[in-house]
Structure formats: C-alpha cells, structure tokens
Amino acid sequence: MNSKTPDFDKTLEELEALVARLEQGDLSLEESLAAFERGVALTRACQQALEAAEQKVEQLLADQETPVPFDTPAPGDA
C-alpha cells in the first residue's frame, strides 16, 4: 500500500479493537453507531487490501512460464 494508507495489520488491529468495544456493550447508541460506521469503513479497507494482494499473487503466478509446485518430490518419488 502507499504511504497515505495505513497498512493492513494496523487497520485490522483497529477493527478488532472496535469490535471488542462494541461487544462490551458500554457505548451509548450514538457511540455504537459511530463505531459501527467506522468498522464498516475498516472492513472495506481490509477487503480492498486483500483483493489487491490476491491480484498481485495471481499476476506473479501468471508471469511464470512453468508453475512451481509447493511440494517438491523426494528423490525416487514419482
């Protein structure tokens, strides 16, 4: 991600903290609504980051001429 966008881990941490606050049930209705709204925005940001990462991985794999297996066979295995 670029320098203007918080990284995925920090966004996810903020989202998890927000969920914990909401689950405690100590927030007023207005605070809960604001927290929910922020949570939706954070969820969308995380989803976009994951989609971008998935596209990057797919592009990297598509650029390879020969697929590389995750498990290499041991000598004598076929």
Protein backbone atom coordinates (compact mmCIF):
# COMPACT_ATOMS: atom_id res chain seq x y z
CA MET A 1 0.00 0.00 0.00
CA ASN A 2 1.07 3.56 -0.38
CA SER A 3 2.25 5.86 2.41
CA LYS A 4 -1.15 7.62 2.67
CA THR A 5 -2.93 4.36 3.52
CA PRO A 6 -2.42 2.59 6.84
CA ASP A 7 -1.10 -0.90 6.41
CA PHE A 8 -3.35 -3.93 6.59
CA ASP A 9 -2.17 -5.06 10.04
CA LYS A 10 -2.87 -1.69 11.67
CA THR A 11 -6.28 -1.48 10.03
CA LEU A 12 -7.16 -4.98 11.20
CA GLU A 13 -5.93 -4.19 14.74
CA GLU A 14 -8.15 -1.10 14.86
CA LEU A 15 -11.10 -3.13 13.60
CA GLU A 16 -10.56 -5.83 16.22
CA ALA A 17 -10.34 -3.23 19.00
CA LEU A 18 -13.52 -1.59 17.74
CA VAL A 19 -15.36 -4.92 17.72
CA ALA A 20 -14.21 -5.58 21.29
CA ARG A 21 -15.56 -2.19 22.40
CA LEU A 22 -18.89 -2.88 20.71
CA GLU A 23 -19.12 -6.34 22.27
CA GLN A 24 -18.65 -4.88 25.76
CA GLY A 25 -21.94 -3.03 25.36
CA ASP A 26 -20.79 0.04 27.29
CA LEU A 27 -21.18 2.51 24.42
CA SER A 28 -24.13 4.83 24.01
CA LEU A 29 -26.33 4.47 20.96
CA GLU A 30 -24.56 7.35 19.23
CA GLU A 31 -21.13 5.95 20.07
CA SER A 32 -22.17 2.49 18.92
CA LEU A 33 -23.46 3.85 15.63
CA ALA A 34 -20.25 5.82 15.04
CA ALA A 35 -18.16 2.76 15.93
CA PHE A 36 -20.22 0.59 13.60
CA GLU A 37 -19.79 3.09 10.78
CA ARG A 38 -16.03 3.16 11.35
CA GLY A 39 -16.00 -0.64 11.47
CA VAL A 40 -17.71 -0.85 8.09
CA ALA A 41 -15.09 1.51 6.61
CA LEU A 42 -12.25 -0.52 8.15
CA THR A 43 -13.76 -3.76 6.86
CA ARG A 44 -13.93 -2.33 3.36
CA ALA A 45 -10.31 -1.15 3.58
CA CYS A 46 -9.17 -4.62 4.69
CA GLN A 47 -11.18 -6.27 1.94
CA GLN A 48 -9.65 -3.97 -0.69
CA ALA A 49 -6.15 -4.69 0.62
CA LEU A 50 -6.79 -8.44 0.48
CA GLU A 51 -8.18 -8.19 -3.05
CA ALA A 52 -5.13 -6.19 -4.16
CA ALA A 53 -2.81 -8.78 -2.61
CA GLU A 54 -4.72 -11.60 -4.30
CA GLN A 55 -4.43 -9.85 -7.68
CA LYS A 56 -0.70 -9.37 -7.13
CA VAL A 57 -0.23 -13.07 -6.35
CA GLU A 58 -2.29 -14.08 -9.38
CA GLN A 59 -0.24 -11.75 -11.59
CA LEU A 60 3.03 -13.13 -10.24
CA LEU A 61 1.88 -16.69 -10.84
CA ALA A 62 0.63 -15.83 -14.33
CA ASP A 63 4.03 -14.33 -15.18
CA GLN A 64 5.78 -17.64 -14.53
CA GLU A 65 6.35 -19.82 -17.56
CA THR A 66 6.37 -23.05 -15.55
CA PRO A 67 4.30 -23.48 -12.41
CA VAL A 68 6.37 -24.27 -9.34
CA PRO A 69 4.83 -26.94 -7.09
CA PHE A 70 4.61 -26.23 -3.39
CA ASP A 71 5.83 -29.74 -2.55
CA THR A 72 8.90 -30.99 -4.34
CA PRO A 73 9.01 -34.78 -4.71
CA ALA A 74 11.72 -36.61 -2.83
CA PRO A 75 14.35 -38.41 -4.90
CA GLY A 76 12.91 -41.68 -6.13
CA ASP A 77 9.29 -40.50 -5.81
CA ALA A 78 7.29 -40.08 -8.96
